[in-house]
PDB file of N, CA and C in Angstrom:
ATOM      1  N   MET A   1      93.966  83.764  86.789  1.00  0.00           N
ATOM      2  CA  MET A   1      95.145  84.610  87.040  1.00  0.00           C
ATOM      3  C   MET A   1      95.207  84.844  88.514  1.00  0.00           C
ATOM      4  N   ILE A   2      96.425  84.792  89.098  1.00  0.00           N
ATOM      5  CA  ILE A   2      96.577  84.863  90.470  1.00  0.00           C
ATOM      6  C   ILE A   2      96.260  86.191  91.092  1.00  0.00           C
ATOM      7  N   ILE A   3      96.486  87.339  90.326  1.00  0.00           N
ATOM      8  CA  ILE A   3      96.108  88.630  90.805  1.00  0.00           C
ATOM      9  C   ILE A   3      94.644  88.782  90.859  1.00  0.00           C
ATOM     10  N   ASP A   4      93.795  88.403  89.800  1.00  0.00           N
ATOM     11  CA  ASP A   4      92.411  88.350  89.964  1.00  0.00           C
ATOM     12  C   ASP A   4      91.866  87.614  91.262  1.00  0.00           C
ATOM     13  N   ASN A   5      92.502  86.470  91.490  1.00  0.00           N
ATOM     14  CA  ASN A   5      92.053  85.573  92.694  1.00  0.00           C
ATOM     15  C   ASN A   5      92.426  86.554  93.974  1.00  0.00           C
ATOM     16  N   LEU A   6      93.480  87.277  93.997  1.00  0.00           N
ATOM     17  CA  LEU A   6      93.806  88.049  95.266  1.00  0.00           C
ATOM     18  C   LEU A   6      92.994  89.176  95.360  1.00  0.00           C
ATOM     19  N   LEU A   7      92.579  89.897  94.203  1.00  0.00           N
ATOM     20  CA  LEU A   7      91.768  91.009  94.312  1.00  0.00           C
ATOM     21  C   LEU A   7      90.276  90.568  94.555  1.00  0.00           C
ATOM     22  N   LYS A   8      89.779  89.371  94.246  1.00  0.00           N
ATOM     23  CA  LYS A   8      88.500  88.950  94.575  1.00  0.00           C
ATOM     24  C   LYS A   8      88.419  88.851  96.095  1.00  0.00           C
ATOM     25  N   ASN A   9      87.419  89.654  96.600  1.00  0.00           N
ATOM     26  CA  ASN A   9      87.120  89.744  98.010  1.00  0.00           C
ATOM     27  C   ASN A   9      88.327  90.358  98.922  1.00  0.00           C
ATOM     28  N   CYS A  10      89.292  90.895  98.261  1.00  0.00           N
ATOM     29  CA  CYS A  10      90.502  91.638  99.016  1.00  0.00           C
ATOM     30  C   CYS A  10      89.771  92.722  99.810  1.00  0.00           C
ATOM     31  N   LYS A  11      90.129  92.853 101.057  1.00  0.00           N
ATOM     32  CA  LYS A  11      89.657  93.867 101.801  1.00  0.00           C
ATOM     33  C   LYS A  11      90.581  95.155 101.677  1.00  0.00           C
ATOM     34  N   VAL A  12      89.946  96.267 101.473  1.00  0.00           N
ATOM     35  CA  VAL A  12      90.796  97.596 101.344  1.00  0.00           C
ATOM     36  C   VAL A  12      90.376  98.382 102.440  1.00  0.00           C
ATOM     37  N   LYS A  13      91.254  98.731 103.361  1.00  0.00           N
ATOM     38  CA  LYS A  13      91.091  99.586 104.515  1.00  0.00           C
ATOM     39  C   LYS A  13      91.270 100.978 104.153  1.00  0.00           C
ATOM     40  N   VAL A  14      90.415 101.801 104.452  1.00  0.00           N
ATOM     41  CA  VAL A  14      90.543 103.349 104.329  1.00  0.00           C
ATOM     42  C   VAL A  14      90.961 103.753 105.638  1.00  0.00           C
ATOM     43  N   TRP A  15      92.131 104.457 105.648  1.00  0.00           N
ATOM     44  CA  TRP A  15      92.568 105.061 106.779  1.00  0.00           C
ATOM     45  C   TRP A  15      91.735 106.221 107.297  1.00  0.00           C
ATOM     46  N   PRO A  16      91.665 106.404 108.547  1.00  0.00           N
ATOM     47  CA  PRO A  16      91.001 107.599 109.187  1.00  0.00           C
ATOM     48  C   PRO A  16      91.882 108.763 108.864  1.00  0.00           C
ATOM     49  N   GLY A  17      91.359 109.861 108.819  1.00  0.00           N
ATOM     50  CA  GLY A  17      92.260 111.106 108.593  1.00  0.00           C
ATOM     51  C   GLY A  17      92.378 111.454 107.146  1.00  0.00           C
ATOM     52  N   ILE A  18      92.969 112.662 107.025  1.00  0.00           N
ATOM     53  CA  ILE A  18      93.382 113.192 105.681  1.00  0.00           C
ATOM     54  C   ILE A  18      94.899 113.511 105.749  1.00  0.00           C
ATOM     55  N   TYR A  19      95.569 113.215 104.783  1.00  0.00           N
ATOM     56  CA  TYR A  19      96.980 113.286 104.666  1.00  0.00           C
ATOM     57  C   TYR A  19      97.563 114.239 103.654  1.00  0.00           C
ATOM     58  N   SER A  20      98.788 114.557 103.902  1.00  0.00           N
ATOM     59  CA  SER A  20      99.489 115.457 102.982  1.00  0.00           C
ATOM     60  C   SER A  20     100.767 114.786 102.572  1.00  0.00           C
ATOM     61  N   VAL A  21     101.108 114.967 101.271  1.00  0.00           N
ATOM     62  CA  VAL A  21     102.406 114.565 100.754  1.00  0.00           C
ATOM     63  C   VAL A  21     103.232 115.863 100.755  1.00  0.00           C
ATOM     64  N   VAL A  22     104.284 115.731 101.297  1.00  0.00           N
ATOM     65  CA  VAL A  22     105.228 117.013 101.596  1.00  0.00           C
ATOM     66  C   VAL A  22     106.630 116.768 101.126  1.00  0.00           C
ATOM     67  N   LYS A  23     107.024 117.709 100.289  1.00  0.00           N
ATOM     68  CA  LYS A  23     108.546 117.806 100.079  1.00  0.00           C
ATOM     69  C   LYS A  23     109.114 118.512 101.230  1.00  0.00           C
ATOM     70  N   ALA A  24     110.006 117.823 101.899  1.00  0.00           N
ATOM     71  CA  ALA A  24     110.339 118.349 103.220  1.00  0.00           C
ATOM     72  C   ALA A  24     111.884 118.727 103.394  1.00  0.00           C
ATOM     73  N   ARG A  25     112.134 119.679 104.193  1.00  0.00           N
ATOM     74  CA  ARG A  25     113.517 120.117 104.494  1.00  0.00           C
ATOM     75  C   ARG A  25     114.302 119.094 105.337  1.00  0.00           C
ATOM     76  N   TYR A  26     113.426 118.466 106.208  1.00  0.00           N
ATOM     77  CA  TYR A  26     113.897 117.501 107.174  1.00  0.00           C
ATOM     78  C   TYR A  26     112.870 116.446 107.523  1.00  0.00           C
ATOM     79  N   ILE A  27     113.243 115.416 108.246  1.00  0.00           N
ATOM     80  CA  ILE A  27     112.039 114.445 108.649  1.00  0.00           C
ATOM     81  C   ILE A  27     111.521 114.942 109.950  1.00  0.00           C
ATOM     82  N   PRO A  28     110.218 115.289 110.087  1.00  0.00           N
ATOM     83  CA  PRO A  28     109.589 115.772 111.240  1.00  0.00           C
ATOM     84  C   PRO A  28     109.435 114.599 112.320  1.00  0.00           C
ATOM     85  N   GLN A  29     109.049 114.874 113.451  1.00  0.00           N
ATOM     86  CA  GLN A  29     108.931 113.886 114.551  1.00  0.00           C
ATOM     87  C   GLN A  29     107.822 112.951 114.321  1.00  0.00           C
ATOM     88  N   HIS A  30     106.774 113.341 113.696  1.00  0.00           N
ATOM     89  CA  HIS A  30     105.556 112.435 113.394  1.00  0.00           C
ATOM     90  C   HIS A  30     105.213 112.401 111.865  1.00  0.00           C
ATOM     91  N   TYR A  31     105.069 111.130 111.465  1.00  0.00           N
ATOM     92  CA  TYR A  31     104.853 110.849 110.078  1.00  0.00           C
ATOM     93  C   TYR A  31     104.330 109.472 109.834  1.00  0.00           C
ATOM     94  N   VAL A  32     103.750 109.293 108.631  1.00  0.00           N
ATOM     95  CA  VAL A  32     103.285 107.915 108.343  1.00  0.00           C
ATOM     96  C   VAL A  32     104.423 107.188 107.485  1.00  0.00           C
ATOM     97  N   ALA A  33     105.098 107.837 106.662  1.00  0.00           N
ATOM     98  CA  ALA A  33     106.024 107.335 105.797  1.00  0.00           C
ATOM     99  C   ALA A  33     107.041 108.428 105.372  1.00  0.00           C
ATOM    100  N   VAL A  34     108.215 107.961 105.164  1.00  0.00           N
ATOM    101  CA  VAL A  34     109.345 108.923 104.643  1.00  0.00           C
ATOM    102  C   VAL A  34     110.117 108.180 103.454  1.00  0.00           C
ATOM    103  N   ILE A  35     110.169 108.916 102.427  1.00  0.00           N
ATOM    104  CA  ILE A  35     110.904 108.368 101.266  1.00  0.00           C
ATOM    105  C   ILE A  35     112.030 109.425 100.975  1.00  0.00           C
ATOM    106  N   ARG A  36     113.150 108.742 101.042  1.00  0.00           N
ATOM    107  CA  ARG A  36     114.415 109.652 100.751  1.00  0.00           C
ATOM    108  C   ARG A  36     115.053 109.137  99.536  1.00  0.00           C
ATOM    109  N   ASP A  37     115.304 109.993  98.604  1.00  0.00           N
ATOM    110  CA  ASP A  37     116.168 109.635  97.508  1.00  0.00           C
ATOM    111  C   ASP A  37     117.471 110.680  97.441  1.00  0.00           C
ATOM    112  N   PHE A  38     118.176 110.556  96.249  1.00  0.00           N
ATOM    113  CA  PHE A  38     119.271 111.346  96.115  1.00  0.00           C
ATOM    114  C   PHE A  38     118.939 112.833  96.021  1.00  0.00           C
ATOM    115  N   ASN A  39     117.715 113.166  95.665  1.00  0.00           N
ATOM    116  CA  ASN A  39     117.356 114.501  95.476  1.00  0.00           C
ATOM    117  C   ASN A  39     116.458 115.189  96.487  1.00  0.00           C
ATOM    118  N   GLU A  40     115.544 114.318  97.217  1.00  0.00           N
ATOM    119  CA  GLU A  40     114.654 115.055  98.067  1.00  0.00           C
ATOM    120  C   GLU A  40     114.186 114.075  99.069  1.00  0.00           C
ATOM    121  N   THR A  41     113.487 114.611 100.160  1.00  0.00           N
ATOM    122  CA  THR A  41     112.831 113.824 101.180  1.00  0.00           C
ATOM    123  C   THR A  41     111.305 114.169 100.977  1.00  0.00           C
ATOM    124  N   THR A  42     110.642 113.068 100.954  1.00  0.00           N
ATOM    125  CA  THR A  42     109.137 113.093 100.855  1.00  0.00           C
ATOM    126  C   THR A  42     108.535 112.622 102.169  1.00  0.00           C
ATOM    127  N   VAL A  43     107.682 113.250 102.772  1.00  0.00           N
ATOM    128  CA  VAL A  43     107.033 112.825 104.034  1.00  0.00           C
ATOM    129  C   VAL A  43     105.478 112.732 103.833  1.00  0.00           C
ATOM    130  N   ILE A  44     104.975 111.733 104.300  1.00  0.00           N
ATOM    131  CA  ILE A  44     103.464 111.452 104.291  1.00  0.00           C
ATOM    132  C   ILE A  44     103.105 111.706 105.727  1.00  0.00           C
ATOM    133  N   THR A  45     102.141 112.623 105.847  1.00  0.00           N
ATOM    134  CA  THR A  45     101.838 112.890 107.426  1.00  0.00           C
ATOM    135  C   THR A  45     100.377 113.663 107.402  1.00  0.00           C
ATOM    136  N   GLU A  46      99.872 113.706 108.539  1.00  0.00           N
ATOM    137  CA  GLU A  46      98.645 114.451 108.713  1.00  0.00           C
ATOM    138  C   GLU A  46      99.198 115.921 108.746  1.00  0.00           C
ATOM    139  N   PRO A  47      98.501 116.858 108.133  1.00  0.00           N
ATOM    140  CA  PRO A  47      98.933 118.186 108.070  1.00  0.00           C
ATOM    141  C   PRO A  47      99.433 118.863 109.306  1.00  0.00           C
ATOM    142  N   ASN A  48      98.666 118.574 110.369  1.00  0.00           N
ATOM    143  CA  ASN A  48      99.005 119.300 111.646  1.00  0.00           C
ATOM    144  C   ASN A  48     100.282 118.742 112.312  1.00  0.00           C
ATOM    145  N   ASN A  49     100.815 117.631 111.693  1.00  0.00           N
ATOM    146  CA  ASN A  49     101.927 116.995 112.395  1.00  0.00           C
ATOM    147  C   ASN A  49     103.347 117.466 111.639  1.00  0.00           C
ATOM    148  N   ILE A  50     103.288 118.494 110.799  1.00  0.00           N
ATOM    149  CA  ILE A  50     104.491 118.849 110.283  1.00  0.00           C
ATOM    150  C   ILE A  50     104.686 120.369 110.448  1.00  0.00           C
ATOM    151  N   PRO A  51     105.834 120.756 110.863  1.00  0.00           N
ATOM    152  CA  PRO A  51     106.070 122.253 111.143  1.00  0.00           C
ATOM    153  C   PRO A  51     106.225 122.901 109.897  1.00  0.00           C
ATOM    154  N   SER A  52     105.822 124.182 109.782  1.00  0.00           N
ATOM    155  CA  SER A  52     105.771 124.919 108.560  1.00  0.00           C
ATOM    156  C   SER A  52     107.261 125.197 108.037  1.00  0.00           C
ATOM    157  N   ASP A  53     108.168 125.255 108.895  1.00  0.00           N
ATOM    158  CA  ASP A  53     109.675 125.411 108.453  1.00  0.00           C
ATOM    159  C   ASP A  53     110.218 124.176 107.679  1.00  0.00           C
ATOM    160  N   CYS A  54     109.447 123.050 107.985  1.00  0.00           N
ATOM    161  CA  CYS A  54     109.969 121.892 107.298  1.00  0.00           C
ATOM    162  C   CYS A  54     109.435 121.767 105.868  1.00  0.00           C
ATOM    163  N   VAL A  55     108.347 122.463 105.493  1.00  0.00           N
ATOM    164  CA  VAL A  55     107.658 122.219 104.159  1.00  0.00           C
ATOM    165  C   VAL A  55     108.305 123.105 103.070  1.00  0.00           C
ATOM    166  N   ILE A  56     108.811 122.391 102.116  1.00  0.00           N
ATOM    167  CA  ILE A  56     109.173 123.048 100.843  1.00  0.00           C
ATOM    168  C   ILE A  56     107.989 123.220  99.931  1.00  0.00           C
ATOM    169  N   GLN A  57     107.283 122.056  99.806  1.00  0.00           N
ATOM    170  CA  GLN A  57     106.022 122.023  98.953  1.00  0.00           C
ATOM    171  C   GLN A  57     105.120 120.933  99.495  1.00  0.00           C
ATOM    172  N   GLU A  58     103.755 121.281  99.540  1.00  0.00           N
ATOM    173  CA  GLU A  58     102.818 120.370 100.025  1.00  0.00           C
ATOM    174  C   GLU A  58     101.697 120.231  99.091  1.00  0.00           C
ATOM    175  N   GLU A  59     101.305 118.791  98.985  1.00  0.00           N
ATOM    176  CA  GLU A  59     100.188 118.453  98.237  1.00  0.00           C
ATOM    177  C   GLU A  59      99.086 117.794  99.292  1.00  0.00           C
ATOM    178  N   PRO A  60      98.080 118.591  99.642  1.00  0.00           N
ATOM    179  CA  PRO A  60      97.157 118.192 100.638  1.00  0.00           C
ATOM    180  C   PRO A  60      95.968 117.384 100.250  1.00  0.00           C
ATOM    181  N   ASP A  61      95.288 116.908 101.169  1.00  0.00           N
ATOM    182  CA  ASP A  61      93.911 116.190 100.980  1.00  0.00           C
ATOM    183  C   ASP A  61      94.068 114.812 100.267  1.00  0.00           C
ATOM    184  N   TRP A  62      94.739 114.037 100.826  1.00  0.00           N
ATOM    185  CA  TRP A  62      94.908 112.548 100.425  1.00  0.00           C
ATOM    186  C   TRP A  62      94.286 111.706 101.383  1.00  0.00           C
ATOM    187  N   LYS A  63      93.672 110.524 100.897  1.00  0.00           N
ATOM    188  CA  LYS A  63      93.436 109.465 101.783  1.00  0.00           C
ATOM    189  C   LYS A  63      94.233 108.272 101.457  1.00  0.00           C
ATOM    190  N   ILE A  64      94.521 107.461 102.436  1.00  0.00           N
ATOM    191  CA  ILE A  64      95.344 106.294 102.351  1.00  0.00           C
ATOM    192  C   ILE A  64      94.513 104.987 102.389  1.00  0.00           C
ATOM    193  N   LEU A  65      94.737 104.120 101.430  1.00  0.00           N
ATOM    194  CA  LEU A  65      94.011 102.852 101.212  1.00  0.00           C
ATOM    195  C   LEU A  65      94.931 101.812 101.270  1.00  0.00           C
ATOM    196  N   THR A  66      94.628 100.786 102.145  1.00  0.00           N
ATOM    197  CA  THR A  66      95.589  99.656 102.243  1.00  0.00           C
ATOM    198  C   THR A  66      94.980  98.396 101.756  1.00  0.00           C
ATOM    199  N   PHE A  67      95.635  97.547 100.926  1.00  0.00           N
ATOM    200  CA  PHE A  67      95.200  96.220 100.629  1.00  0.00           C
ATOM    201  C   PHE A  67      95.542  95.393 101.717  1.00  0.00           C
ATOM    202  N   GLU A  68      94.518  94.750 102.386  1.00  0.00           N
ATOM    203  CA  GLU A  68      94.818  94.058 103.495  1.00  0.00           C
ATOM    204  C   GLU A  68      94.978  92.528 103.199  1.00  0.00           C
ATOM    205  N   LEU A  69      96.146  92.242 102.521  1.00  0.00           N
ATOM    206  CA  LEU A  69      96.494  90.832 102.227  1.00  0.00           C
ATOM    207  C   LEU A  69      98.088  90.844 102.142  1.00  0.00           C
ATOM    208  N   GLU A  70      98.640  89.736 102.353  1.00  0.00           N
ATOM    209  CA  GLU A  70     100.095  89.773 102.300  1.00  0.00           C
ATOM    210  C   GLU A  70     100.431  89.213 100.854  1.00  0.00           C
ATOM    211  N   LEU A  71     101.275  90.114 100.189  1.00  0.00           N
ATOM    212  CA  LEU A  71     101.563  89.957  98.827  1.00  0.00           C
ATOM    213  C   LEU A  71     103.022  89.255  98.782  1.00  0.00           C
ATOM    214  N   PRO A  72     103.186  88.180  98.094  1.00  0.00           N
ATOM    215  CA  PRO A  72     104.535  87.502  98.000  1.00  0.00           C
ATOM    216  C   PRO A  72     105.473  88.483  97.195  1.00  0.00           C
ATOM    217  N   PHE A  73     106.655  88.497  97.626  1.00  0.00           N
ATOM    218  CA  PHE A  73     107.711  89.302  96.772  1.00  0.00           C
ATOM    219  C   PHE A  73     107.914  88.998  95.334  1.00  0.00           C
ATOM    220  N   GLU A  74     107.662  87.716  95.046  1.00  0.00           N
ATOM    221  CA  GLU A  74     107.754  87.303  93.625  1.00  0.00           C
ATOM    222  C   GLU A  74     106.589  87.656  92.807  1.00  0.00           C
ATOM    223  N   LEU A  75     105.438  88.124  93.387  1.00  0.00           N
ATOM    224  CA  LEU A  75     104.229  88.488  92.755  1.00  0.00           C
ATOM    225  C   LEU A  75     104.505  89.678  91.658  1.00  0.00           C
ATOM    226  N   VAL A  76     104.214  89.545  90.504  1.00  0.00           N
ATOM    227  CA  VAL A  76     104.319  90.638  89.466  1.00  0.00           C
ATOM    228  C   VAL A  76     103.063  91.134  88.928  1.00  0.00           C
ATOM    229  N   GLY A  77     102.775  92.419  89.134  1.00  0.00           N
ATOM    230  CA  GLY A  77     101.792  93.024  88.426  1.00  0.00           C
ATOM    231  C   GLY A  77     100.599  93.362  89.225  1.00  0.00           C
ATOM    232  N   PHE A  78     100.554  93.252  90.543  1.00  0.00           N
ATOM    233  CA  PHE A  78      99.434  93.539  91.343  1.00  0.00           C
ATOM    234  C   PHE A  78      98.990  94.948  91.276  1.00  0.00           C
ATOM    235  N   LEU A  79      99.920  95.861  91.472  1.00  0.00           N
ATOM    236  CA  LEU A  79      99.541  97.271  91.353  1.00  0.00           C
ATOM    237  C   LEU A  79      99.316  97.714  89.959  1.00  0.00           C
ATOM    238  N   SER A  80      99.918  97.085  89.048  1.00  0.00           N
ATOM    239  CA  SER A  80      99.739  97.366  87.666  1.00  0.00           C
ATOM    240  C   SER A  80      98.101  97.161  87.281  1.00  0.00           C
ATOM    241  N   VAL A  81      97.568  96.035  87.866  1.00  0.00           N
ATOM    242  CA  VAL A  81      96.228  95.797  87.545  1.00  0.00           C
ATOM    243  C   VAL A  81      95.367  96.848  88.217  1.00  0.00           C
ATOM    244  N   VAL A  82      95.703  97.048  89.492  1.00  0.00           N
ATOM    245  CA  VAL A  82      94.887  98.067  90.339  1.00  0.00           C
ATOM    246  C   VAL A  82      94.915  99.544  89.442  1.00  0.00           C
ATOM    247  N   THR A  83      96.203  99.831  89.244  1.00  0.00           N
ATOM    248  CA  THR A  83      96.301 101.291  88.649  1.00  0.00           C
ATOM    249  C   THR A  83      95.804 101.380  87.284  1.00  0.00           C
ATOM    250  N   LYS A  84      95.772 100.321  86.546  1.00  0.00           N
ATOM    251  CA  LYS A  84      95.146 100.247  85.301  1.00  0.00           C
ATOM    252  C   LYS A  84      93.715 100.716  85.287  1.00  0.00           C
ATOM    253  N   HIS A  85      93.048 100.079  86.183  1.00  0.00           N
ATOM    254  CA  HIS A  85      91.596 100.463  86.300  1.00  0.00           C
ATOM    255  C   HIS A  85      91.390 101.760  86.868  1.00  0.00           C
ATOM    256  N   LEU A  86      92.204 102.319  87.826  1.00  0.00           N
ATOM    257  CA  LEU A  86      92.014 103.498  88.295  1.00  0.00           C
ATOM    258  C   LEU A  86      92.448 104.631  87.232  1.00  0.00           C
ATOM    259  N   ALA A  87      93.349 104.318  86.412  1.00  0.00           N
ATOM    260  CA  ALA A  87      93.822 105.213  85.334  1.00  0.00           C
ATOM    261  C   ALA A  87      92.758 105.376  84.282  1.00  0.00           C
ATOM    262  N   GLU A  88      92.132 104.213  84.020  1.00  0.00           N
ATOM    263  CA  GLU A  88      90.918 104.224  83.102  1.00  0.00           C
ATOM    264  C   GLU A  88      89.787 105.180  83.539  1.00  0.00           C
ATOM    265  N   ALA A  89      89.621 105.384  84.797  1.00  0.00           N
ATOM    266  CA  ALA A  89      88.687 106.174  85.464  1.00  0.00           C
ATOM    267  C   ALA A  89      89.266 107.514  85.718  1.00  0.00           C
ATOM    268  N   ALA A  90      90.418 107.917  85.269  1.00  0.00           N
ATOM    269  CA  ALA A  90      91.038 109.123  85.437  1.00  0.00           C
ATOM    270  C   ALA A  90      91.214 109.491  86.897  1.00  0.00           C
ATOM    271  N   ILE A  91      91.679 108.510  87.718  1.00  0.00           N
ATOM    272  CA  ILE A  91      91.914 108.653  89.081  1.00  0.00           C
ATOM    273  C   ILE A  91      93.500 108.643  89.378  1.00  0.00           C
ATOM    274  N   PRO A  92      93.996 109.784  89.632  1.00  0.00           N
ATOM    275  CA  PRO A  92      95.544 109.777  89.929  1.00  0.00           C
ATOM    276  C   PRO A  92      95.866 109.051  91.277  1.00  0.00           C
ATOM    277  N   VAL A  93      97.008 108.387  91.458  1.00  0.00           N
ATOM    278  CA  VAL A  93      97.228 107.746  92.690  1.00  0.00           C
ATOM    279  C   VAL A  93      98.743 107.984  93.062  1.00  0.00           C
ATOM    280  N   PHE A  94      98.886 108.000  94.371  1.00  0.00           N
ATOM    281  CA  PHE A  94     100.259 107.955  94.916  1.00  0.00           C
ATOM    282  C   PHE A  94     100.485 106.648  95.557  1.00  0.00           C
ATOM    283  N   VAL A  95     101.629 105.908  95.156  1.00  0.00           N
ATOM    284  CA  VAL A  95     101.688 104.628  95.495  1.00  0.00           C
ATOM    285  C   VAL A  95     102.834 104.504  96.642  1.00  0.00           C
ATOM    286  N   LEU A  96     102.492 103.579  97.675  1.00  0.00           N
ATOM    287  CA  LEU A  96     103.375 103.247  98.761  1.00  0.00           C
ATOM    288  C   LEU A  96     103.318 101.770  98.755  1.00  0.00           C
ATOM    289  N   SER A  97     104.423 101.094  99.241  1.00  0.00           N
ATOM    290  CA  SER A  97     104.525  99.753  99.461  1.00  0.00           C
ATOM    291  C   SER A  97     105.177  99.491 100.876  1.00  0.00           C
ATOM    292  N   SER A  98     104.749  98.561 101.666  1.00  0.00           N
ATOM    293  CA  SER A  98     105.332  98.155 102.836  1.00  0.00           C
ATOM    294  C   SER A  98     105.951  96.859 102.739  1.00  0.00           C
ATOM    295  N   PHE A  99     106.586  96.268 103.677  1.00  0.00           N
ATOM    296  CA  PHE A  99     107.197  94.871 103.560  1.00  0.00           C
ATOM    297  C   PHE A  99     106.195  93.830 103.053  1.00  0.00           C
ATOM    298  N   SER A 100     104.795  93.901 103.578  1.00  0.00           N
ATOM    299  CA  SER A 100     103.987  92.806 103.245  1.00  0.00           C
ATOM    300  C   SER A 100     102.928  93.160 102.292  1.00  0.00           C
ATOM    301  N   THR A 101     102.532  94.433 102.106  1.00  0.00           N
ATOM    302  CA  THR A 101     101.382  94.759 101.229  1.00  0.00           C
ATOM    303  C   THR A 101     101.691  96.113 100.489  1.00  0.00           C
ATOM    304  N   ASP A 102     100.714  96.616  99.750  1.00  0.00           N
ATOM    305  CA  ASP A 102     100.695  97.817  98.944  1.00  0.00           C
ATOM    306  C   ASP A 102      99.577  98.688  99.552  1.00  0.00           C
ATOM    307  N   HIS A 103      99.905  99.973  99.285  1.00  0.00           N
ATOM    308  CA  HIS A 103      98.934 101.113  99.774  1.00  0.00           C
ATOM    309  C   HIS A 103      98.813 102.058  98.544  1.00  0.00           C
ATOM    310  N   ILE A 104      97.755 102.632  98.408  1.00  0.00           N
ATOM    311  CA  ILE A 104      97.574 103.694  97.551  1.00  0.00           C
ATOM    312  C   ILE A 104      96.984 104.952  98.155  1.00  0.00           C
ATOM    313  N   MET A 105      97.322 106.201  97.721  1.00  0.00           N
ATOM    314  CA  MET A 105      96.831 107.310  98.255  1.00  0.00           C
ATOM    315  C   MET A 105      95.981 107.872  96.970  1.00  0.00           C
ATOM    316  N   VAL A 106      94.876 108.447  97.345  1.00  0.00           N
ATOM    317  CA  VAL A 106      93.947 109.176  96.407  1.00  0.00           C
ATOM    318  C   VAL A 106      93.490 110.440  96.946  1.00  0.00           C
ATOM    319  N   LYS A 107      93.261 111.284  96.118  1.00  0.00           N
ATOM    320  CA  LYS A 107      92.629 112.609  96.775  1.00  0.00           C
ATOM    321  C   LYS A 107      91.318 112.422  97.283  1.00  0.00           C
ATOM    322  N   LEU A 108      91.089 113.181  98.298  1.00  0.00           N
ATOM    323  CA  LEU A 108      89.816 112.973  98.989  1.00  0.00           C
ATOM    324  C   LEU A 108      88.575 113.180  98.052  1.00  0.00           C
ATOM    325  N   VAL A 109      88.632 113.885  97.146  1.00  0.00           N
ATOM    326  CA  VAL A 109      87.478 114.211  96.217  1.00  0.00           C
ATOM    327  C   VAL A 109      87.315 113.081  95.329  1.00  0.00           C
ATOM    328  N   LYS A 110      88.251 112.153  95.114  1.00  0.00           N
ATOM    329  CA  LYS A 110      88.173 110.904  94.368  1.00  0.00           C
ATOM    330  C   LYS A 110      87.949 109.738  95.069  1.00  0.00           C
ATOM    331  N   LEU A 111      87.861 109.767  96.380  1.00  0.00           N
ATOM    332  CA  LEU A 111      87.680 108.601  97.308  1.00  0.00           C
ATOM    333  C   LEU A 111      86.452 107.764  96.855  1.00  0.00           C
ATOM    334  N   GLU A 112      85.314 108.254  96.775  1.00  0.00           N
ATOM    335  CA  GLU A 112      84.155 107.383  96.599  1.00  0.00           C
ATOM    336  C   GLU A 112      84.207 106.771  95.097  1.00  0.00           C
ATOM    337  N   GLU A 113      84.785 107.518  94.237  1.00  0.00           N
ATOM    338  CA  GLU A 113      84.861 106.963  92.820  1.00  0.00           C
ATOM    339  C   GLU A 113      85.900 105.820  92.978  1.00  0.00           C
ATOM    340  N   THR A 114      87.058 106.041  93.498  1.00  0.00           N
ATOM    341  CA  THR A 114      88.046 105.075  93.640  1.00  0.00           C
ATOM    342  C   THR A 114      87.456 103.744  94.262  1.00  0.00           C
ATOM    343  N   LEU A 115      86.721 103.862  95.373  1.00  0.00           N
ATOM    344  CA  LEU A 115      86.057 102.760  96.133  1.00  0.00           C
ATOM    345  C   LEU A 115      85.232 102.010  95.135  1.00  0.00           C
ATOM    346  N   GLY A 116      84.447 102.749  94.266  1.00  0.00           N
ATOM    347  CA  GLY A 116      83.558 102.120  93.300  1.00  0.00           C
ATOM    348  C   GLY A 116      84.425 101.352  92.193  1.00  0.00           C
ATOM    349  N   VAL A 117      85.585 101.901  91.752  1.00  0.00           N
ATOM    350  CA  VAL A 117      86.347 101.111  90.823  1.00  0.00           C
ATOM    351  C   VAL A 117      86.958  99.897  91.492  1.00  0.00           C
ATOM    352  N   LEU A 118      87.361  99.957  92.808  1.00  0.00           N
ATOM    353  CA  LEU A 118      87.957  98.884  93.438  1.00  0.00           C
ATOM    354  C   LEU A 118      86.876  97.730  93.729  1.00  0.00           C
ATOM    355  N   HIS A 119      85.700  98.246  93.886  1.00  0.00           N
ATOM    356  CA  HIS A 119      84.672  97.121  94.116  1.00  0.00           C
ATOM    357  C   HIS A 119      84.234  96.429  92.843  1.00  0.00           C
ATOM    358  N   LYS A 120      84.453  97.118  91.707  1.00  0.00           N
ATOM    359  CA  LYS A 120      84.124  96.487  90.423  1.00  0.00           C
ATOM    360  C   LYS A 120      85.226  95.405  90.088  1.00  0.00           C
ATOM    361  N   ILE A 121      86.483  95.606  90.749  1.00  0.00           N
ATOM    362  CA  ILE A 121      87.498  94.583  90.489  1.00  0.00           C
ATOM    363  C   ILE A 121      87.460  93.621  91.501  1.00  0.00           C
ATOM    364  N   GLY A 122      86.450  93.578  92.355  1.00  0.00           N
ATOM    365  CA  GLY A 122      86.415  92.585  93.458  1.00  0.00           C
ATOM    366  C   GLY A 122      86.727  92.929  94.842  1.00  0.00           C
ATOM    367  N   CYS A 123      87.281  94.023  95.044  1.00  0.00           N
ATOM    368  CA  CYS A 123      87.672  94.383  96.593  1.00  0.00           C
ATOM    369  C   CYS A 123      86.534  94.726  97.371  1.00  0.00           C
ATOM    370  N   LYS A 124      86.588  94.448  98.592  1.00  0.00           N
ATOM    371  CA  LYS A 124      85.687  94.910  99.621  1.00  0.00           C
ATOM    372  C   LYS A 124      86.316  96.053 100.437  1.00  0.00           C
ATOM    373  N   THR A 125      85.485  96.976 100.766  1.00  0.00           N
ATOM    374  CA  THR A 125      86.025  98.115 101.607  1.00  0.00           C
ATOM    375  C   THR A 125      85.299  98.165 102.857  1.00  0.00           C
ATOM    376  N   ASP A 126      85.972  98.872 103.840  1.00  0.00           N
ATOM    377  CA  ASP A 126      85.534  98.986 105.210  1.00  0.00           C
ATOM    378  C   ASP A 126      84.697 100.232 105.496  1.00  0.00           C
ATOM    379  N   MET A 127      84.328 100.969 104.354  1.00  0.00           N
ATOM    380  CA  MET A 127      83.613 102.135 104.408  1.00  0.00           C
ATOM    381  C   MET A 127      82.167 101.920 103.920  1.00  0.00           C
TER     382      MET A 127
END
């Protein structure tokens, strides 16, 4: 299976820092990602980068992990395989995608367990 081959020895980068997922009143000056839909604006940022008047609701203490490989747009099921294994370990995730690859966010308290699950499916980590 192509996904198993991609996961085998896929490097996963753990970002330095701890991040918050914020339901925001506006887009602050500094952020990692912004998701806007018809109902709300979500900002991923380091907590000290968001003004308190911007915050409607905050979910703190997340780590960002990046799958360091370029995923083709026609690929189906990559995150499904990853999140299936994490779900079986009762690890909640917040998922982000960029143009070339996917990222997941996990709570800081679940980081080591997450890295263990990813290692079991073939991923290598930088920690």
